[in-house]
Amino acid sequence: MPIDRYAPEVPFPAYAFVPGRHPHPVTNPSGHSYGHSHAVPYPLDPARPGDSIEFLSAVDLFNAGFYWEAHEEWEGLWIAAGRRGELADFLKSLIKLAAAGVKAREGQITGVERHARRASDLLRSMIADRSQPGSNYCGLNLDELALAAQSLAEQPIVDDTPSTMGRVVIPVRLILSDLDRA
């Protein structure tokens, strides 16, 4: 079943990387991103997430089960955000959710629980610091995302079935709203 995409112009990689199962995408000459430049992207504007092809692509990758690849995209944005502050914490929560997806594909239930709980904690901290409950941030509903992360932490899912393509494993879907694209 095809998924709706936010950045359909960005192709998915040839395979979804799972450590120990596939060639490392960047360091192995057989990797799907070997030899590609990985420049730090422009900082993400939380008020205009639709302007960031890296952010939109990461959401697409995550929703299609390319968890490691989404993690890498969000990590670049996290570095561009200076690694501290509200935006960095938000991106770190997404990085942790993607890491939970990688652990699910590795069959590591403890890793799924740990990363999902950390994502939930970061999101709940953001929610507590904001004046408007139920508010969106970068097009995502923080309350819904925190609840999904918490649910995954409480009932971790693993599915280490071998596969080379992206495969949705964890029951977290990122649905962006209020996107303005330049």
C-alpha atoms as a PDB file:
ATOM      1  CA  MET A   1       0.000   0.000   0.000  1.00  0.00           C
ATOM      2  CA  PRO A   2       1.597   3.300  -1.062  1.00  0.00           C
ATOM      3  CA  ILE A   3       1.987   6.033   1.505  1.00  0.00           C
ATOM      4  CA  ASP A   4       1.338   9.730   1.095  1.00  0.00           C
ATOM      5  CA  ARG A   5       4.603  11.598   0.803  1.00  0.00           C
ATOM      6  CA  TYR A   6       5.603  15.111   1.816  1.00  0.00           C
ATOM      7  CA  ALA A   7       8.720  15.149  -0.397  1.00  0.00           C
ATOM      8  CA  PRO A   8       7.909  12.772  -3.270  1.00  0.00           C
ATOM      9  CA  GLU A   9      10.723  14.265  -5.318  1.00  0.00           C
ATOM     10  CA  VAL A  10      13.262  12.670  -2.963  1.00  0.00           C
ATOM     11  CA  PRO A  11      13.678   8.966  -3.800  1.00  0.00           C
ATOM     12  CA  PHE A  12      13.827   6.329  -1.111  1.00  0.00           C
ATOM     13  CA  PRO A  13      17.155   4.522  -0.707  1.00  0.00           C
ATOM     14  CA  ALA A  14      17.722   1.098  -2.220  1.00  0.00           C
ATOM     15  CA  TYR A  15      17.332  -0.564   1.196  1.00  0.00           C
ATOM     16  CA  ALA A  16      16.521   0.259   4.800  1.00  0.00           C
ATOM     17  CA  PHE A  17      19.735  -0.092   6.776  1.00  0.00           C
ATOM     18  CA  VAL A  18      19.732  -2.416   9.765  1.00  0.00           C
ATOM     19  CA  PRO A  19      23.129  -2.667  11.506  1.00  0.00           C
ATOM     20  CA  GLY A  20      24.790  -6.035  11.048  1.00  0.00           C
ATOM     21  CA  ARG A  21      22.374  -7.018   8.294  1.00  0.00           C
ATOM     22  CA  HIS A  22      23.160  -4.655   5.423  1.00  0.00           C
ATOM     23  CA  PRO A  23      26.199  -2.754   4.139  1.00  0.00           C
ATOM     24  CA  HIS A  24      26.674   0.484   6.093  1.00  0.00           C
ATOM     25  CA  PRO A  25      25.121   3.159   3.863  1.00  0.00           C
ATOM     26  CA  VAL A  26      27.951   5.691   4.156  1.00  0.00           C
ATOM     27  CA  THR A  27      31.180   3.827   4.969  1.00  0.00           C
ATOM     28  CA  ASN A  28      30.789   0.675   2.857  1.00  0.00           C
ATOM     29  CA  PRO A  29      31.405   1.014  -0.912  1.00  0.00           C
ATOM     30  CA  SER A  30      28.229  -1.086  -1.415  1.00  0.00           C
ATOM     31  CA  GLY A  31      26.216   1.278   0.788  1.00  0.00           C
ATOM     32  CA  HIS A  32      23.234   3.113  -0.654  1.00  0.00           C
ATOM     33  CA  SER A  33      24.714   6.515   0.202  1.00  0.00           C
ATOM     34  CA  TYR A  34      28.408   5.783  -0.248  1.00  0.00           C
ATOM     35  CA  GLY A  35      30.180   8.731  -1.847  1.00  0.00           C
ATOM     36  CA  HIS A  36      27.246  11.115  -1.401  1.00  0.00           C
ATOM     37  CA  SER A  37      28.066  14.409   0.268  1.00  0.00           C
ATOM     38  CA  HIS A  38      26.406  14.989   3.628  1.00  0.00           C
ATOM     39  CA  ALA A  39      26.481  18.740   4.199  1.00  0.00           C
ATOM     40  CA  VAL A  40      24.818  20.147   7.297  1.00  0.00           C
ATOM     41  CA  PRO A  41      21.422  21.468   6.171  1.00  0.00           C
ATOM     42  CA  TYR A  42      20.054  24.928   6.791  1.00  0.00           C
ATOM     43  CA  PRO A  43      18.448  25.218  10.229  1.00  0.00           C
ATOM     44  CA  LEU A  44      14.807  24.176  10.378  1.00  0.00           C
ATOM     45  CA  ASP A  45      12.314  26.983  11.010  1.00  0.00           C
ATOM     46  CA  PRO A  46       9.674  25.508  13.367  1.00  0.00           C
ATOM     47  CA  ALA A  47       7.088  27.926  11.966  1.00  0.00           C
ATOM     48  CA  ARG A  48       7.776  26.764   8.383  1.00  0.00           C
ATOM     49  CA  PRO A  49       8.734  23.073   8.442  1.00  0.00           C
ATOM     50  CA  GLY A  50       7.455  22.701   4.868  1.00  0.00           C
ATOM     51  CA  ASP A  51      10.410  24.804   3.682  1.00  0.00           C
ATOM     52  CA  SER A  52      12.890  22.116   4.766  1.00  0.00           C
ATOM     53  CA  ILE A  53      13.254  19.314   2.242  1.00  0.00           C
ATOM     54  CA  GLU A  54      15.428  17.476   4.778  1.00  0.00           C
ATOM     55  CA  PHE A  55      12.677  17.547   7.400  1.00  0.00           C
ATOM     56  CA  LEU A  56       9.975  16.486   4.940  1.00  0.00           C
ATOM     57  CA  SER A  57      12.176  13.743   3.554  1.00  0.00           C
ATOM     58  CA  ALA A  58      12.935  12.459   7.064  1.00  0.00           C
ATOM     59  CA  VAL A  59       9.208  12.279   7.833  1.00  0.00           C
ATOM     60  CA  ASP A  60       8.681  10.304   4.614  1.00  0.00           C
ATOM     61  CA  LEU A  61      11.574   7.975   5.422  1.00  0.00           C
ATOM     62  CA  PHE A  62      10.267   7.365   8.938  1.00  0.00           C
ATOM     63  CA  ASN A  63       6.695   6.729   7.780  1.00  0.00           C
ATOM     64  CA  ALA A  64       7.971   4.211   5.205  1.00  0.00           C
ATOM     65  CA  GLY A  65      10.100   2.279   7.712  1.00  0.00           C
ATOM     66  CA  PHE A  66      13.504   3.683   6.731  1.00  0.00           C
ATOM     67  CA  TYR A  67      14.276   4.413  10.380  1.00  0.00           C
ATOM     68  CA  TRP A  68      18.069   4.668  10.253  1.00  0.00           C
ATOM     69  CA  GLU A  69      17.881   6.971   7.243  1.00  0.00           C
ATOM     70  CA  ALA A  70      15.284   9.221   8.942  1.00  0.00           C
ATOM     71  CA  HIS A  71      17.517   9.308  12.020  1.00  0.00           C
ATOM     72  CA  GLU A  72      20.411  10.553   9.880  1.00  0.00           C
ATOM     73  CA  GLU A  73      18.322  13.330   8.275  1.00  0.00           C
ATOM     74  CA  TRP A  74      17.033  14.522  11.649  1.00  0.00           C
ATOM     75  CA  GLU A  75      20.519  14.355  13.136  1.00  0.00           C
ATOM     76  CA  GLY A  76      21.751  16.794  10.474  1.00  0.00           C
ATOM     77  CA  LEU A  77      18.927  19.186  11.379  1.00  0.00           C
ATOM     78  CA  TRP A  78      19.684  18.702  15.092  1.00  0.00           C
ATOM     79  CA  ILE A  79      23.316  19.705  14.472  1.00  0.00           C
ATOM     80  CA  ALA A  80      22.142  22.723  12.448  1.00  0.00           C
ATOM     81  CA  ALA A  81      19.883  23.663  15.396  1.00  0.00           C
ATOM     82  CA  GLY A  82      22.911  23.867  17.683  1.00  0.00           C
ATOM     83  CA  ARG A  83      22.113  20.690  19.683  1.00  0.00           C
ATOM     84  CA  ARG A  84      20.418  22.687  22.449  1.00  0.00           C
ATOM     85  CA  GLY A  85      17.092  24.345  22.979  1.00  0.00           C
ATOM     86  CA  GLU A  86      13.491  23.599  22.110  1.00  0.00           C
ATOM     87  CA  LEU A  87      14.037  22.799  18.426  1.00  0.00           C
ATOM     88  CA  ALA A  88      17.025  20.571  19.201  1.00  0.00           C
ATOM     89  CA  ASP A  89      15.032  18.696  21.851  1.00  0.00           C
ATOM     90  CA  PHE A  90      12.160  18.217  19.416  1.00  0.00           C
ATOM     91  CA  LEU A  91      14.515  16.852  16.755  1.00  0.00           C
ATOM     92  CA  LYS A  92      16.187  14.650  19.355  1.00  0.00           C
ATOM     93  CA  SER A  93      12.778  13.167  20.207  1.00  0.00           C
ATOM     94  CA  LEU A  94      12.305  12.256  16.534  1.00  0.00           C
ATOM     95  CA  ILE A  95      15.838  10.834  16.415  1.00  0.00           C
ATOM     96  CA  LYS A  96      14.982   8.668  19.436  1.00  0.00           C
ATOM     97  CA  LEU A  97      11.747   7.457  17.804  1.00  0.00           C
ATOM     98  CA  ALA A  98      13.685   6.520  14.687  1.00  0.00           C
ATOM     99  CA  ALA A  99      16.253   4.720  16.853  1.00  0.00           C
ATOM    100  CA  ALA A 100      13.367   2.772  18.425  1.00  0.00           C
ATOM    101  CA  GLY A 101      12.387   1.723  14.896  1.00  0.00           C
ATOM    102  CA  VAL A 102      15.927   0.511  14.180  1.00  0.00           C
ATOM    103  CA  LYS A 103      15.948  -1.458  17.434  1.00  0.00           C
ATOM    104  CA  ALA A 104      12.563  -2.984  16.541  1.00  0.00           C
ATOM    105  CA  ARG A 105      14.004  -4.181  13.221  1.00  0.00           C
ATOM    106  CA  GLU A 106      17.034  -5.570  15.084  1.00  0.00           C
ATOM    107  CA  GLY A 107      14.722  -7.489  17.443  1.00  0.00           C
ATOM    108  CA  GLN A 108      15.980  -5.601  20.522  1.00  0.00           C
ATOM    109  CA  ILE A 109      12.924  -5.014  22.718  1.00  0.00           C
ATOM    110  CA  THR A 110      14.917  -3.249  25.459  1.00  0.00           C
ATOM    111  CA  GLY A 111      16.303  -0.781  22.920  1.00  0.00           C
ATOM    112  CA  VAL A 112      12.819  -0.055  21.581  1.00  0.00           C
ATOM    113  CA  GLU A 113      11.540   0.628  25.105  1.00  0.00           C
ATOM    114  CA  ARG A 114      14.520   2.805  26.077  1.00  0.00           C
ATOM    115  CA  HIS A 115      14.500   4.988  22.956  1.00  0.00           C
ATOM    116  CA  ALA A 116      10.707   5.363  22.892  1.00  0.00           C
ATOM    117  CA  ARG A 117      10.687   6.347  26.580  1.00  0.00           C
ATOM    118  CA  ARG A 118      13.388   8.955  25.978  1.00  0.00           C
ATOM    119  CA  ALA A 119      11.405  10.365  23.046  1.00  0.00           C
ATOM    120  CA  SER A 120       8.295  10.547  25.222  1.00  0.00           C
ATOM    121  CA  ASP A 121      10.213  12.249  28.041  1.00  0.00           C
ATOM    122  CA  LEU A 122      11.633  14.891  25.690  1.00  0.00           C
ATOM    123  CA  LEU A 123       8.198  15.583  24.193  1.00  0.00           C
ATOM    124  CA  ARG A 124       6.489  15.763  27.591  1.00  0.00           C
ATOM    125  CA  SER A 125       9.135  18.201  28.764  1.00  0.00           C
ATOM    126  CA  MET A 126       8.426  20.383  25.717  1.00  0.00           C
ATOM    127  CA  ILE A 127       4.691  20.200  26.387  1.00  0.00           C
ATOM    128  CA  ALA A 128       5.197  21.214  30.030  1.00  0.00           C
ATOM    129  CA  ASP A 129       7.263  24.220  28.955  1.00  0.00           C
ATOM    130  CA  ARG A 130       4.677  25.465  26.454  1.00  0.00           C
ATOM    131  CA  SER A 131       1.754  27.689  27.376  1.00  0.00           C
ATOM    132  CA  GLN A 132      -0.725  26.129  24.922  1.00  0.00           C
ATOM    133  CA  PRO A 133      -1.688  22.503  25.524  1.00  0.00           C
ATOM    134  CA  GLY A 134      -2.225  20.431  22.416  1.00  0.00           C
ATOM    135  CA  SER A 135      -0.086  22.768  20.386  1.00  0.00           C
ATOM    136  CA  ASN A 136       1.623  21.788  17.174  1.00  0.00           C
ATOM    137  CA  TYR A 137       5.329  22.127  16.675  1.00  0.00           C
ATOM    138  CA  CYS A 138       6.917  21.798  13.235  1.00  0.00           C
ATOM    139  CA  GLY A 139       3.536  20.636  11.968  1.00  0.00           C
ATOM    140  CA  LEU A 140       3.217  17.771  14.480  1.00  0.00           C
ATOM    141  CA  ASN A 141       0.833  17.532  17.419  1.00  0.00           C
ATOM    142  CA  LEU A 142       3.100  17.204  20.466  1.00  0.00           C
ATOM    143  CA  ASP A 143       0.448  15.555  22.658  1.00  0.00           C
ATOM    144  CA  GLU A 144      -0.330  12.856  20.087  1.00  0.00           C
ATOM    145  CA  LEU A 145       3.345  12.241  19.401  1.00  0.00           C
ATOM    146  CA  ALA A 146       4.201  11.992  23.106  1.00  0.00           C
ATOM    147  CA  LEU A 147       1.314   9.571  23.627  1.00  0.00           C
ATOM    148  CA  ALA A 148       2.440   7.397  20.693  1.00  0.00           C
ATOM    149  CA  ALA A 149       6.015   7.318  22.024  1.00  0.00           C
ATOM    150  CA  GLN A 150       4.792   6.483  25.533  1.00  0.00           C
ATOM    151  CA  SER A 151       2.586   3.692  24.194  1.00  0.00           C
ATOM    152  CA  LEU A 152       5.518   2.223  22.280  1.00  0.00           C
ATOM    153  CA  ALA A 153       7.688   2.412  25.414  1.00  0.00           C
ATOM    154  CA  GLU A 154       5.044   0.587  27.446  1.00  0.00           C
ATOM    155  CA  GLN A 155       4.355  -2.029  24.766  1.00  0.00           C
ATOM    156  CA  PRO A 156       7.537  -2.306  22.701  1.00  0.00           C
ATOM    157  CA  ILE A 157       7.206  -4.042  19.366  1.00  0.00           C
ATOM    158  CA  VAL A 158       9.902  -5.951  17.529  1.00  0.00           C
ATOM    159  CA  ASP A 159       9.868  -7.465  14.072  1.00  0.00           C
ATOM    160  CA  ASP A 160      13.287  -8.566  12.899  1.00  0.00           C
ATOM    161  CA  THR A 161      12.019 -10.267   9.765  1.00  0.00           C
ATOM    162  CA  PRO A 162      14.778  -9.902   7.161  1.00  0.00           C
ATOM    163  CA  SER A 163      13.909  -7.321   4.535  1.00  0.00           C
ATOM    164  CA  THR A 164      15.848  -4.981   2.337  1.00  0.00           C
ATOM    165  CA  MET A 165      13.079  -2.466   1.779  1.00  0.00           C
ATOM    166  CA  GLY A 166      11.588  -0.051   4.238  1.00  0.00           C
ATOM    167  CA  ARG A 167       8.913  -1.716   6.293  1.00  0.00           C
ATOM    168  CA  VAL A 168       6.751  -0.077   8.891  1.00  0.00           C
ATOM    169  CA  VAL A 169       7.402  -1.854  12.165  1.00  0.00           C
ATOM    170  CA  ILE A 170       6.472   0.554  14.939  1.00  0.00           C
ATOM    171  CA  PRO A 171       2.922   1.958  15.164  1.00  0.00           C
ATOM    172  CA  VAL A 172       3.907   5.614  15.018  1.00  0.00           C
ATOM    173  CA  ARG A 173       2.882   7.636  11.963  1.00  0.00           C
ATOM    174  CA  LEU A 174       3.930  11.256  11.559  1.00  0.00           C
ATOM    175  CA  ILE A 175       1.169  13.365  10.042  1.00  0.00           C
ATOM    176  CA  LEU A 176       2.100  16.961   9.341  1.00  0.00           C
ATOM    177  CA  SER A 177      -0.485  19.732   9.426  1.00  0.00           C
ATOM    178  CA  ASP A 178      -0.472  23.403   8.511  1.00  0.00           C
ATOM    179  CA  LEU A 179       2.379  23.083   6.029  1.00  0.00           C
ATOM    180  CA  ASP A 180       3.327  26.121   4.028  1.00  0.00           C
ATOM    181  CA  ARG A 181       5.913  25.443   1.352  1.00  0.00           C
ATOM    182  CA  ALA A 182       7.885  28.185  -0.308  1.00  0.00           C
END
